[in-house]
């Protein structure tokens, strides 16, 4: 069984590597703001309000709960999920192949 925090660390490392592979350099070609809920779902909505207030070009979220909150917080800012479950069943995307809306990613 995978550990939640360990999986999140691996996902963040992979995210940073993919940015680097695409020639994006934090602080030079883009700015990345990292906000953490510290495993507390009750903090999701407040963090997402803060993110939306910053008016980013895109949002990356790491879990299903944050994908739900992103969907509720904005329909215009693209939101990419790094790992999430049951996105179609929960109505967050139309399908994984063609998500529609502003949410996309890999479950």
PDB file of N, CA and C in Angstrom:
ATOM      1  N   UNK A   1       0.845  -1.179   0.000  1.00  0.00           N
ATOM      2  CA  UNK A   1       0.000   0.000   0.000  1.00  0.00           C
ATOM      3  C   UNK A   1       0.889   1.241   0.000  1.00  0.00           C
ATOM      4  N   UNK A   2       0.539   2.236  -0.796  1.00  0.00           N
ATOM      5  CA  UNK A   2       1.318   3.461  -0.880  1.00  0.00           C
ATOM      6  C   UNK A   2       0.972   4.407   0.262  1.00  0.00           C
ATOM      7  N   UNK A   3       1.972   5.061   0.768  1.00  0.00           N
ATOM      8  CA  UNK A   3       1.774   6.059   1.807  1.00  0.00           C
ATOM      9  C   UNK A   3       1.352   7.366   1.160  1.00  0.00           C
ATOM     10  N   UNK A   4       0.350   8.044   1.735  1.00  0.00           N
ATOM     11  CA  UNK A   4      -0.123   9.309   1.198  1.00  0.00           C
ATOM     12  C   UNK A   4       0.974  10.352   1.066  1.00  0.00           C
ATOM     13  N   UNK A   5       1.672  10.705   2.163  1.00  0.00           N
ATOM     14  CA  UNK A   5       2.715  11.724   2.064  1.00  0.00           C
ATOM     15  C   UNK A   5       3.853  11.328   1.127  1.00  0.00           C
ATOM     16  N   UNK A   6       4.257  10.066   1.147  1.00  0.00           N
ATOM     17  CA  UNK A   6       5.336   9.618   0.261  1.00  0.00           C
ATOM     18  C   UNK A   6       4.891   9.720  -1.199  1.00  0.00           C
ATOM     19  N   UNK A   7       3.664   9.374  -1.472  1.00  0.00           N
ATOM     20  CA  UNK A   7       3.130   9.478  -2.834  1.00  0.00           C
ATOM     21  C   UNK A   7       3.082  10.945  -3.269  1.00  0.00           C
ATOM     22  N   UNK A   8       2.692  11.823  -2.362  1.00  0.00           N
ATOM     23  CA  UNK A   8       2.639  13.252  -2.676  1.00  0.00           C
ATOM     24  C   UNK A   8       4.025  13.794  -2.974  1.00  0.00           C
ATOM     25  N   UNK A   9       5.015  13.366  -2.215  1.00  0.00           N
ATOM     26  CA  UNK A   9       6.400  13.815  -2.457  1.00  0.00           C
ATOM     27  C   UNK A   9       6.863  13.346  -3.828  1.00  0.00           C
ATOM     28  N   UNK A  10       6.579  12.090  -4.173  1.00  0.00           N
ATOM     29  CA  UNK A  10       6.959  11.580  -5.494  1.00  0.00           C
ATOM     30  C   UNK A  10       6.244  12.338  -6.604  1.00  0.00           C
ATOM     31  N   UNK A  11       4.982  12.649  -6.402  1.00  0.00           N
ATOM     32  CA  UNK A  11       4.222  13.393  -7.410  1.00  0.00           C
ATOM     33  C   UNK A  11       4.793  14.791  -7.587  1.00  0.00           C
ATOM     34  N   UNK A  12       5.156  15.438  -6.501  1.00  0.00           N
ATOM     35  CA  UNK A  12       5.738  16.778  -6.585  1.00  0.00           C
ATOM     36  C   UNK A  12       7.091  16.746  -7.289  1.00  0.00           C
ATOM     37  N   UNK A  13       7.898  15.753  -6.991  1.00  0.00           N
ATOM     38  CA  UNK A  13       9.190  15.598  -7.671  1.00  0.00           C
ATOM     39  C   UNK A  13       8.987  15.367  -9.165  1.00  0.00           C
ATOM     40  N   UNK A  14       8.010  14.544  -9.514  1.00  0.00           N
ATOM     41  CA  UNK A  14       7.718  14.278 -10.921  1.00  0.00           C
ATOM     42  C   UNK A  14       7.209  15.547 -11.610  1.00  0.00           C
ATOM     43  N   UNK A  15       6.376  16.311 -10.928  1.00  0.00           N
ATOM     44  CA  UNK A  15       5.858  17.566 -11.453  1.00  0.00           C
ATOM     45  C   UNK A  15       7.008  18.525 -11.754  1.00  0.00           C
ATOM     46  N   UNK A  16       7.903  18.687 -10.804  1.00  0.00           N
ATOM     47  CA  UNK A  16       9.055  19.572 -11.002  1.00  0.00           C
ATOM     48  C   UNK A  16       9.938  19.088 -12.153  1.00  0.00           C
ATOM     49  N   UNK A  17      10.133  17.776 -12.244  1.00  0.00           N
ATOM     50  CA  UNK A  17      10.955  17.226 -13.322  1.00  0.00           C
ATOM     51  C   UNK A  17      10.311  17.470 -14.678  1.00  0.00           C
ATOM     52  N   UNK A  18       8.996  17.276 -14.774  1.00  0.00           N
ATOM     53  CA  UNK A  18       8.297  17.507 -16.038  1.00  0.00           C
ATOM     54  C   UNK A  18       8.387  18.970 -16.450  1.00  0.00           C
ATOM     55  N   UNK A  19       8.286  19.883 -15.486  1.00  0.00           N
ATOM     56  CA  UNK A  19       8.462  21.305 -15.797  1.00  0.00           C
ATOM     57  C   UNK A  19       9.855  21.547 -16.368  1.00  0.00           C
ATOM     58  N   UNK A  20      10.845  20.971 -15.720  1.00  0.00           N
ATOM     59  CA  UNK A  20      12.238  21.117 -16.162  1.00  0.00           C
ATOM     60  C   UNK A  20      12.415  20.521 -17.562  1.00  0.00           C
ATOM     61  N   UNK A  21      11.853  19.347 -17.783  1.00  0.00           N
ATOM     62  CA  UNK A  21      11.952  18.694 -19.098  1.00  0.00           C
ATOM     63  C   UNK A  21      11.347  19.560 -20.198  1.00  0.00           C
ATOM     64  N   UNK A  22      10.333  20.352 -19.838  1.00  0.00           N
ATOM     65  CA  UNK A  22       9.666  21.224 -20.809  1.00  0.00           C
ATOM     66  C   UNK A  22      10.308  22.615 -20.845  1.00  0.00           C
ATOM     67  N   UNK A  23      11.482  22.731 -20.225  1.00  0.00           N
ATOM     68  CA  UNK A  23      12.263  23.980 -20.199  1.00  0.00           C
ATOM     69  C   UNK A  23      11.626  25.094 -19.373  1.00  0.00           C
ATOM     70  N   UNK A  24      10.802  24.733 -18.408  1.00  0.00           N
ATOM     71  CA  UNK A  24      10.262  25.718 -17.478  1.00  0.00           C
ATOM     72  C   UNK A  24      11.140  25.720 -16.231  1.00  0.00           C
ATOM     73  N   UNK A  25      11.570  26.902 -15.818  1.00  0.00           N
ATOM     74  CA  UNK A  25      12.432  27.033 -14.654  1.00  0.00           C
ATOM     75  C   UNK A  25      11.740  27.941 -13.648  1.00  0.00           C
ATOM     76  N   UNK A  26      11.426  27.395 -12.487  1.00  0.00           N
ATOM     77  CA  UNK A  26      10.761  28.165 -11.451  1.00  0.00           C
ATOM     78  C   UNK A  26      11.600  29.393 -11.102  1.00  0.00           C
ATOM     79  N   UNK A  27      10.949  30.540 -11.132  1.00  0.00           N
ATOM     80  CA  UNK A  27      11.646  31.784 -10.831  1.00  0.00           C
ATOM     81  C   UNK A  27      12.237  32.473 -12.052  1.00  0.00           C
ATOM     82  N   UNK A  28      12.257  31.768 -13.187  1.00  0.00           N
ATOM     83  CA  UNK A  28      12.790  32.359 -14.407  1.00  0.00           C
ATOM     84  C   UNK A  28      11.742  32.401 -15.514  1.00  0.00           C
ATOM     85  N   UNK A  29      11.229  31.239 -15.886  1.00  0.00           N
ATOM     86  CA  UNK A  29      10.240  31.203 -16.969  1.00  0.00           C
ATOM     87  C   UNK A  29       8.817  31.028 -16.453  1.00  0.00           C
ATOM     88  N   UNK A  30       8.672  30.774 -15.164  1.00  0.00           N
ATOM     89  CA  UNK A  30       7.368  30.704 -14.531  1.00  0.00           C
ATOM     90  C   UNK A  30       7.537  30.863 -13.033  1.00  0.00           C
ATOM     91  N   UNK A  31       6.440  31.149 -12.370  1.00  0.00           N
ATOM     92  CA  UNK A  31       6.445  31.245 -10.909  1.00  0.00           C
ATOM     93  C   UNK A  31       5.505  30.167 -10.380  1.00  0.00           C
ATOM     94  N   UNK A  32       6.000  29.393  -9.447  1.00  0.00           N
ATOM     95  CA  UNK A  32       5.201  28.335  -8.836  1.00  0.00           C
ATOM     96  C   UNK A  32       4.996  28.693  -7.371  1.00  0.00           C
ATOM     97  N   UNK A  33       3.756  28.707  -6.954  1.00  0.00           N
ATOM     98  CA  UNK A  33       3.407  28.931  -5.558  1.00  0.00           C
ATOM     99  C   UNK A  33       2.951  27.590  -4.993  1.00  0.00           C
ATOM    100  N   UNK A  34       3.584  27.133  -3.937  1.00  0.00           N
ATOM    101  CA  UNK A  34       3.221  25.860  -3.318  1.00  0.00           C
ATOM    102  C   UNK A  34       2.428  26.143  -2.049  1.00  0.00           C
ATOM    103  N   UNK A  35       1.212  25.622  -1.991  1.00  0.00           N
ATOM    104  CA  UNK A  35       0.366  25.755  -0.819  1.00  0.00           C
ATOM    105  C   UNK A  35       0.007  24.354  -0.350  1.00  0.00           C
ATOM    106  N   UNK A  36       0.086  24.122   0.932  1.00  0.00           N
ATOM    107  CA  UNK A  36      -0.132  22.791   1.482  1.00  0.00           C
ATOM    108  C   UNK A  36      -1.272  22.784   2.491  1.00  0.00           C
ATOM    109  N   UNK A  37      -2.132  21.785   2.394  1.00  0.00           N
ATOM    110  CA  UNK A  37      -3.223  21.603   3.346  1.00  0.00           C
ATOM    111  C   UNK A  37      -2.761  20.792   4.552  1.00  0.00           C
ATOM    112  N   UNK A  38      -1.559  20.258   4.490  1.00  0.00           N
ATOM    113  CA  UNK A  38      -0.980  19.468   5.581  1.00  0.00           C
ATOM    114  C   UNK A  38      -1.894  18.312   5.983  1.00  0.00           C
ATOM    115  N   UNK A  39      -2.535  17.710   4.966  1.00  0.00           N
ATOM    116  CA  UNK A  39      -3.390  16.554   5.221  1.00  0.00           C
ATOM    117  C   UNK A  39      -4.721  16.890   5.859  1.00  0.00           C
ATOM    118  N   UNK A  40      -5.084  18.173   5.896  1.00  0.00           N
ATOM    119  CA  UNK A  40      -6.321  18.599   6.549  1.00  0.00           C
ATOM    120  C   UNK A  40      -7.317  19.070   5.499  1.00  0.00           C
ATOM    121  N   UNK A  41      -8.288  18.222   5.202  1.00  0.00           N
ATOM    122  CA  UNK A  41      -9.282  18.523   4.166  1.00  0.00           C
ATOM    123  C   UNK A  41     -10.040  19.805   4.460  1.00  0.00           C
ATOM    124  N   UNK A  42     -10.204  20.155   5.716  1.00  0.00           N
ATOM    125  CA  UNK A  42     -10.936  21.378   6.060  1.00  0.00           C
ATOM    126  C   UNK A  42     -10.203  22.643   5.600  1.00  0.00           C
ATOM    127  N   UNK A  43      -8.937  22.509   5.213  1.00  0.00           N
ATOM    128  CA  UNK A  43      -8.166  23.655   4.729  1.00  0.00           C
ATOM    129  C   UNK A  43      -8.261  23.830   3.208  1.00  0.00           C
ATOM    130  N   UNK A  44      -8.807  22.858   2.501  1.00  0.00           N
ATOM    131  CA  UNK A  44      -8.843  22.896   1.039  1.00  0.00           C
ATOM    132  C   UNK A  44      -9.529  24.154   0.491  1.00  0.00           C
ATOM    133  N   UNK A  45     -10.726  24.444   0.964  1.00  0.00           N
ATOM    134  CA  UNK A  45     -11.495  25.562   0.410  1.00  0.00           C
ATOM    135  C   UNK A  45     -10.769  26.888   0.617  1.00  0.00           C
ATOM    136  N   UNK A  46     -10.222  27.112   1.794  1.00  0.00           N
ATOM    137  CA  UNK A  46      -9.495  28.352   2.059  1.00  0.00           C
ATOM    138  C   UNK A  46      -8.262  28.490   1.192  1.00  0.00           C
ATOM    139  N   UNK A  47      -7.522  27.401   1.028  1.00  0.00           N
ATOM    140  CA  UNK A  47      -6.341  27.440   0.165  1.00  0.00           C
ATOM    141  C   UNK A  47      -6.729  27.713  -1.280  1.00  0.00           C
ATOM    142  N   UNK A  48      -7.814  27.084  -1.737  1.00  0.00           N
ATOM    143  CA  UNK A  48      -8.226  27.291  -3.120  1.00  0.00           C
ATOM    144  C   UNK A  48      -8.713  28.718  -3.337  1.00  0.00           C
ATOM    145  N   UNK A  49      -9.401  29.303  -2.365  1.00  0.00           N
ATOM    146  CA  UNK A  49      -9.805  30.713  -2.490  1.00  0.00           C
ATOM    147  C   UNK A  49      -8.573  31.600  -2.638  1.00  0.00           C
ATOM    148  N   UNK A  50      -7.530  31.294  -1.865  1.00  0.00           N
ATOM    149  CA  UNK A  50      -6.287  32.056  -1.955  1.00  0.00           C
ATOM    150  C   UNK A  50      -5.655  31.898  -3.339  1.00  0.00           C
ATOM    151  N   UNK A  51      -5.644  30.689  -3.850  1.00  0.00           N
ATOM    152  CA  UNK A  51      -5.076  30.439  -5.179  1.00  0.00           C
ATOM    153  C   UNK A  51      -5.844  31.219  -6.241  1.00  0.00           C
ATOM    154  N   UNK A  52      -7.150  31.126  -6.231  1.00  0.00           N
ATOM    155  CA  UNK A  52      -7.976  31.818  -7.229  1.00  0.00           C
ATOM    156  C   UNK A  52      -7.776  33.332  -7.131  1.00  0.00           C
ATOM    157  N   UNK A  53      -7.646  33.851  -5.925  1.00  0.00           N
ATOM    158  CA  UNK A  53      -7.413  35.283  -5.724  1.00  0.00           C
ATOM    159  C   UNK A  53      -6.113  35.732  -6.389  1.00  0.00           C
ATOM    160  N   UNK A  54      -5.114  34.858  -6.441  1.00  0.00           N
ATOM    161  CA  UNK A  54      -3.830  35.179  -7.073  1.00  0.00           C
ATOM    162  C   UNK A  54      -3.917  35.225  -8.605  1.00  0.00           C
ATOM    163  N   UNK A  55      -5.034  34.768  -9.167  1.00  0.00           N
ATOM    164  CA  UNK A  55      -5.273  34.752 -10.610  1.00  0.00           C
ATOM    165  C   UNK A  55      -4.145  34.081 -11.400  1.00  0.00           C
ATOM    166  N   UNK A  56      -3.838  32.822 -11.074  1.00  0.00           N
ATOM    167  CA  UNK A  56      -2.773  32.122 -11.800  1.00  0.00           C
ATOM    168  C   UNK A  56      -3.214  31.744 -13.206  1.00  0.00           C
ATOM    169  N   UNK A  57      -2.238  31.426 -14.039  1.00  0.00           N
ATOM    170  CA  UNK A  57      -2.541  30.926 -15.383  1.00  0.00           C
ATOM    171  C   UNK A  57      -3.061  29.495 -15.331  1.00  0.00           C
ATOM    172  N   UNK A  58      -2.661  28.742 -14.308  1.00  0.00           N
ATOM    173  CA  UNK A  58      -3.106  27.357 -14.136  1.00  0.00           C
ATOM    174  C   UNK A  58      -2.939  26.957 -12.681  1.00  0.00           C
ATOM    175  N   UNK A  59      -3.650  25.916 -12.298  1.00  0.00           N
ATOM    176  CA  UNK A  59      -3.585  25.371 -10.943  1.00  0.00           C
ATOM    177  C   UNK A  59      -3.250  23.890 -11.063  1.00  0.00           C
ATOM    178  N   UNK A  60      -2.338  23.412 -10.241  1.00  0.00           N
ATOM    179  CA  UNK A  60      -2.059  21.970 -10.156  1.00  0.00           C
ATOM    180  C   UNK A  60      -2.501  21.501  -8.778  1.00  0.00           C
ATOM    181  N   UNK A  61      -3.278  20.451  -8.739  1.00  0.00           N
ATOM    182  CA  UNK A  61      -3.734  19.891  -7.467  1.00  0.00           C
ATOM    183  C   UNK A  61      -3.306  18.437  -7.389  1.00  0.00           C
ATOM    184  N   UNK A  62      -3.166  17.948  -6.171  1.00  0.00           N
ATOM    185  CA  UNK A  62      -2.575  16.637  -5.997  1.00  0.00           C
ATOM    186  C   UNK A  62      -3.547  15.533  -5.603  1.00  0.00           C
ATOM    187  N   UNK A  63      -4.819  15.829  -5.427  1.00  0.00           N
ATOM    188  CA  UNK A  63      -5.712  14.774  -4.960  1.00  0.00           C
ATOM    189  C   UNK A  63      -7.150  15.069  -5.349  1.00  0.00           C
ATOM    190  N   UNK A  64      -7.989  14.051  -5.232  1.00  0.00           N
ATOM    191  CA  UNK A  64      -9.390  14.161  -5.610  1.00  0.00           C
ATOM    192  C   UNK A  64     -10.096  15.276  -4.853  1.00  0.00           C
ATOM    193  N   UNK A  65      -9.887  15.366  -3.566  1.00  0.00           N
ATOM    194  CA  UNK A  65     -10.548  16.397  -2.763  1.00  0.00           C
ATOM    195  C   UNK A  65     -10.235  17.797  -3.248  1.00  0.00           C
ATOM    196  N   UNK A  66      -8.997  18.046  -3.593  1.00  0.00           N
ATOM    197  CA  UNK A  66      -8.625  19.362  -4.101  1.00  0.00           C
ATOM    198  C   UNK A  66      -9.172  19.576  -5.507  1.00  0.00           C
ATOM    199  N   UNK A  67      -9.290  18.523  -6.304  1.00  0.00           N
ATOM    200  CA  UNK A  67      -9.892  18.653  -7.632  1.00  0.00           C
ATOM    201  C   UNK A  67     -11.349  19.080  -7.488  1.00  0.00           C
ATOM    202  N   UNK A  68     -12.061  18.519  -6.511  1.00  0.00           N
ATOM    203  CA  UNK A  68     -13.443  18.910  -6.259  1.00  0.00           C
ATOM    204  C   UNK A  68     -13.520  20.386  -5.864  1.00  0.00           C
ATOM    205  N   UNK A  69     -12.643  20.805  -4.997  1.00  0.00           N
ATOM    206  CA  UNK A  69     -12.638  22.189  -4.532  1.00  0.00           C
ATOM    207  C   UNK A  69     -12.269  23.135  -5.677  1.00  0.00           C
ATOM    208  N   UNK A  70     -11.313  22.744  -6.513  1.00  0.00           N
ATOM    209  CA  UNK A  70     -10.931  23.567  -7.658  1.00  0.00           C
ATOM    210  C   UNK A  70     -12.121  23.731  -8.591  1.00  0.00           C
ATOM    211  N   UNK A  71     -12.862  22.670  -8.817  1.00  0.00           N
ATOM    212  CA  UNK A  71     -14.038  22.708  -9.696  1.00  0.00           C
ATOM    213  C   UNK A  71     -15.076  23.680  -9.154  1.00  0.00           C
ATOM    214  N   UNK A  72     -15.239  23.709  -7.838  1.00  0.00           N
ATOM    215  CA  UNK A  72     -16.209  24.608  -7.214  1.00  0.00           C
ATOM    216  C   UNK A  72     -15.714  26.056  -7.209  1.00  0.00           C
ATOM    217  N   UNK A  73     -14.405  26.246  -7.117  1.00  0.00           N
ATOM    218  CA  UNK A  73     -13.835  27.585  -6.978  1.00  0.00           C
ATOM    219  C   UNK A  73     -13.722  28.340  -8.291  1.00  0.00           C
ATOM    220  N   UNK A  74     -13.518  27.629  -9.397  1.00  0.00           N
ATOM    221  CA  UNK A  74     -13.332  28.303 -10.681  1.00  0.00           C
ATOM    222  C   UNK A  74     -13.690  27.386 -11.832  1.00  0.00           C
ATOM    223  N   UNK A  75     -14.268  27.972 -12.846  1.00  0.00           N
ATOM    224  CA  UNK A  75     -14.530  27.232 -14.077  1.00  0.00           C
ATOM    225  C   UNK A  75     -13.707  27.801 -15.217  1.00  0.00           C
ATOM    226  N   UNK A  76     -12.880  28.805 -14.916  1.00  0.00           N
ATOM    227  CA  UNK A  76     -12.104  29.466 -15.969  1.00  0.00           C
ATOM    228  C   UNK A  76     -10.610  29.198 -15.891  1.00  0.00           C
ATOM    229  N   UNK A  77     -10.065  29.023 -14.702  1.00  0.00           N
ATOM    230  CA  UNK A  77      -8.632  28.758 -14.565  1.00  0.00           C
ATOM    231  C   UNK A  77      -8.401  27.262 -14.791  1.00  0.00           C
ATOM    232  N   UNK A  78      -7.539  26.892 -15.741  1.00  0.00           N
ATOM    233  CA  UNK A  78      -7.256  25.469 -15.944  1.00  0.00           C
ATOM    234  C   UNK A  78      -6.678  24.845 -14.666  1.00  0.00           C
ATOM    235  N   UNK A  79      -7.193  23.690 -14.306  1.00  0.00           N
ATOM    236  CA  UNK A  79      -6.725  22.971 -13.127  1.00  0.00           C
ATOM    237  C   UNK A  79      -6.293  21.565 -13.552  1.00  0.00           C
ATOM    238  N   UNK A  80      -5.075  21.220 -13.225  1.00  0.00           N
ATOM    239  CA  UNK A  80      -4.500  19.924 -13.577  1.00  0.00           C
ATOM    240  C   UNK A  80      -4.340  19.117 -12.296  1.00  0.00           C
ATOM    241  N   UNK A  81      -4.855  17.901 -12.282  1.00  0.00           N
ATOM    242  CA  UNK A  81      -4.670  17.051 -11.107  1.00  0.00           C
ATOM    243  C   UNK A  81      -3.539  16.077 -11.365  1.00  0.00           C
ATOM    244  N   UNK A  82      -2.719  15.858 -10.329  1.00  0.00           N
ATOM    245  CA  UNK A  82      -1.571  14.965 -10.466  1.00  0.00           C
ATOM    246  C   UNK A  82      -1.956  13.522 -10.221  1.00  0.00           C
ATOM    247  N   UNK A  83      -2.778  13.271  -9.268  1.00  0.00           N
ATOM    248  CA  UNK A  83      -3.360  11.949  -9.085  1.00  0.00           C
ATOM    249  C   UNK A  83      -4.664  12.121  -8.332  1.00  0.00           C
ATOM    250  N   UNK A  84      -5.666  11.459  -8.830  1.00  0.00           N
ATOM    251  CA  UNK A  84      -6.995  11.546  -8.249  1.00  0.00           C
ATOM    252  C   UNK A  84      -7.760  10.313  -8.693  1.00  0.00           C
ATOM    253  N   UNK A  85      -8.818  10.004  -7.993  1.00  0.00           N
ATOM    254  CA  UNK A  85      -9.588   8.794  -8.266  1.00  0.00           C
ATOM    255  C   UNK A  85     -11.043   9.125  -8.576  1.00  0.00           C
ATOM    256  N   UNK A  86     -11.697   8.284  -9.348  1.00  0.00           N
ATOM    257  CA  UNK A  86     -13.127   8.340  -9.613  1.00  0.00           C
ATOM    258  C   UNK A  86     -13.598   9.689 -10.154  1.00  0.00           C
ATOM    259  N   UNK A  87     -12.794  10.299 -10.996  1.00  0.00           N
ATOM    260  CA  UNK A  87     -13.123  11.629 -11.509  1.00  0.00           C
ATOM    261  C   UNK A  87     -14.369  11.626 -12.387  1.00  0.00           C
ATOM    262  N   UNK A  88     -14.529  10.588 -13.201  1.00  0.00           N
ATOM    263  CA  UNK A  88     -15.711  10.491 -14.059  1.00  0.00           C
ATOM    264  C   UNK A  88     -16.930  10.207 -13.193  1.00  0.00           C
ATOM    265  N   UNK A  89     -16.831   9.243 -12.304  1.00  0.00           N
ATOM    266  CA  UNK A  89     -17.951   8.870 -11.439  1.00  0.00           C
ATOM    267  C   UNK A  89     -18.410  10.036 -10.574  1.00  0.00           C
ATOM    268  N   UNK A  90     -17.484  10.890 -10.184  1.00  0.00           N
ATOM    269  CA  UNK A  90     -17.820  12.035  -9.335  1.00  0.00           C
ATOM    270  C   UNK A  90     -18.304  13.236 -10.144  1.00  0.00           C
ATOM    271  N   UNK A  91     -18.284  13.116 -11.469  1.00  0.00           N
ATOM    272  CA  UNK A  91     -18.749  14.202 -12.310  1.00  0.00           C
ATOM    273  C   UNK A  91     -17.766  15.345 -12.474  1.00  0.00           C
ATOM    274  N   UNK A  92     -16.492  15.110 -12.125  1.00  0.00           N
ATOM    275  CA  UNK A  92     -15.493  16.165 -12.257  1.00  0.00           C
ATOM    276  C   UNK A  92     -15.007  16.317 -13.693  1.00  0.00           C
ATOM    277  N   UNK A  93     -15.013  15.222 -14.443  1.00  0.00           N
ATOM    278  CA  UNK A  93     -14.658  15.250 -15.866  1.00  0.00           C
ATOM    279  C   UNK A  93     -15.644  14.367 -16.624  1.00  0.00           C
ATOM    280  N   UNK A  94     -15.842  14.701 -17.910  1.00  0.00           N
ATOM    281  CA  UNK A  94     -16.738  13.900 -18.741  1.00  0.00           C
ATOM    282  C   UNK A  94     -16.134  12.525 -19.001  1.00  0.00           C
ATOM    283  N   UNK A  95     -14.837  12.492 -19.302  1.00  0.00           N
ATOM    284  CA  UNK A  95     -14.095  11.247 -19.489  1.00  0.00           C
ATOM    285  C   UNK A  95     -12.622  11.578 -19.313  1.00  0.00           C
ATOM    286  N   UNK A  96     -11.796  10.589 -19.088  1.00  0.00           N
ATOM    287  CA  UNK A  96     -10.364  10.846 -18.946  1.00  0.00           C
ATOM    288  C   UNK A  96      -9.750  11.232 -20.288  1.00  0.00           C
ATOM    289  N   UNK A  97     -10.278  10.695 -21.375  1.00  0.00           N
ATOM    290  CA  UNK A  97      -9.758  11.020 -22.698  1.00  0.00           C
ATOM    291  C   UNK A  97     -10.153  12.435 -23.133  1.00  0.00           C
ATOM    292  N   UNK A  98     -11.355  12.847 -22.791  1.00  0.00           N
ATOM    293  CA  UNK A  98     -11.869  14.178 -23.140  1.00  0.00           C
ATOM    294  C   UNK A  98     -12.570  14.749 -21.913  1.00  0.00           C
ATOM    295  N   UNK A  99     -11.781  15.341 -21.007  1.00  0.00           N
ATOM    296  CA  UNK A  99     -12.353  15.784 -19.738  1.00  0.00           C
ATOM    297  C   UNK A  99     -13.377  16.906 -19.848  1.00  0.00           C
ATOM    298  N   UNK A 100     -13.215  17.814 -20.822  1.00  0.00           N
ATOM    299  CA  UNK A 100     -14.116  18.951 -20.913  1.00  0.00           C
ATOM    300  C   UNK A 100     -13.885  19.895 -19.743  1.00  0.00           C
ATOM    301  N   UNK A 101     -14.504  21.037 -19.737  1.00  0.00           N
ATOM    302  CA  UNK A 101     -14.356  21.977 -18.631  1.00  0.00           C
ATOM    303  C   UNK A 101     -12.921  22.424 -18.428  1.00  0.00           C
ATOM    304  N   UNK A 102     -12.605  22.803 -17.213  1.00  0.00           N
ATOM    305  CA  UNK A 102     -11.275  23.322 -16.912  1.00  0.00           C
ATOM    306  C   UNK A 102     -10.398  22.335 -16.151  1.00  0.00           C
ATOM    307  N   UNK A 103     -10.883  21.126 -15.866  1.00  0.00           N
ATOM    308  CA  UNK A 103     -10.092  20.118 -15.156  1.00  0.00           C
ATOM    309  C   UNK A 103      -9.529  19.100 -16.120  1.00  0.00           C
ATOM    310  N   UNK A 104      -8.286  18.725 -15.892  1.00  0.00           N
ATOM    311  CA  UNK A 104      -7.661  17.697 -16.694  1.00  0.00           C
ATOM    312  C   UNK A 104      -6.545  17.061 -15.875  1.00  0.00           C
ATOM    313  N   UNK A 105      -5.985  16.017 -16.375  1.00  0.00           N
ATOM    314  CA  UNK A 105      -4.861  15.373 -15.683  1.00  0.00           C
ATOM    315  C   UNK A 105      -4.888  13.883 -15.845  1.00  0.00           C
ATOM    316  N   UNK A 106      -4.212  13.253 -14.937  1.00  0.00           N
ATOM    317  CA  UNK A 106      -4.073  11.801 -14.980  1.00  0.00           C
ATOM    318  C   UNK A 106      -4.503  11.223 -13.652  1.00  0.00           C
ATOM    319  N   UNK A 107      -5.473  10.354 -13.682  1.00  0.00           N
ATOM    320  CA  UNK A 107      -5.961   9.738 -12.459  1.00  0.00           C
ATOM    321  C   UNK A 107      -5.069   8.645 -11.976  1.00  0.00           C
TER     322      UNK A 107
END
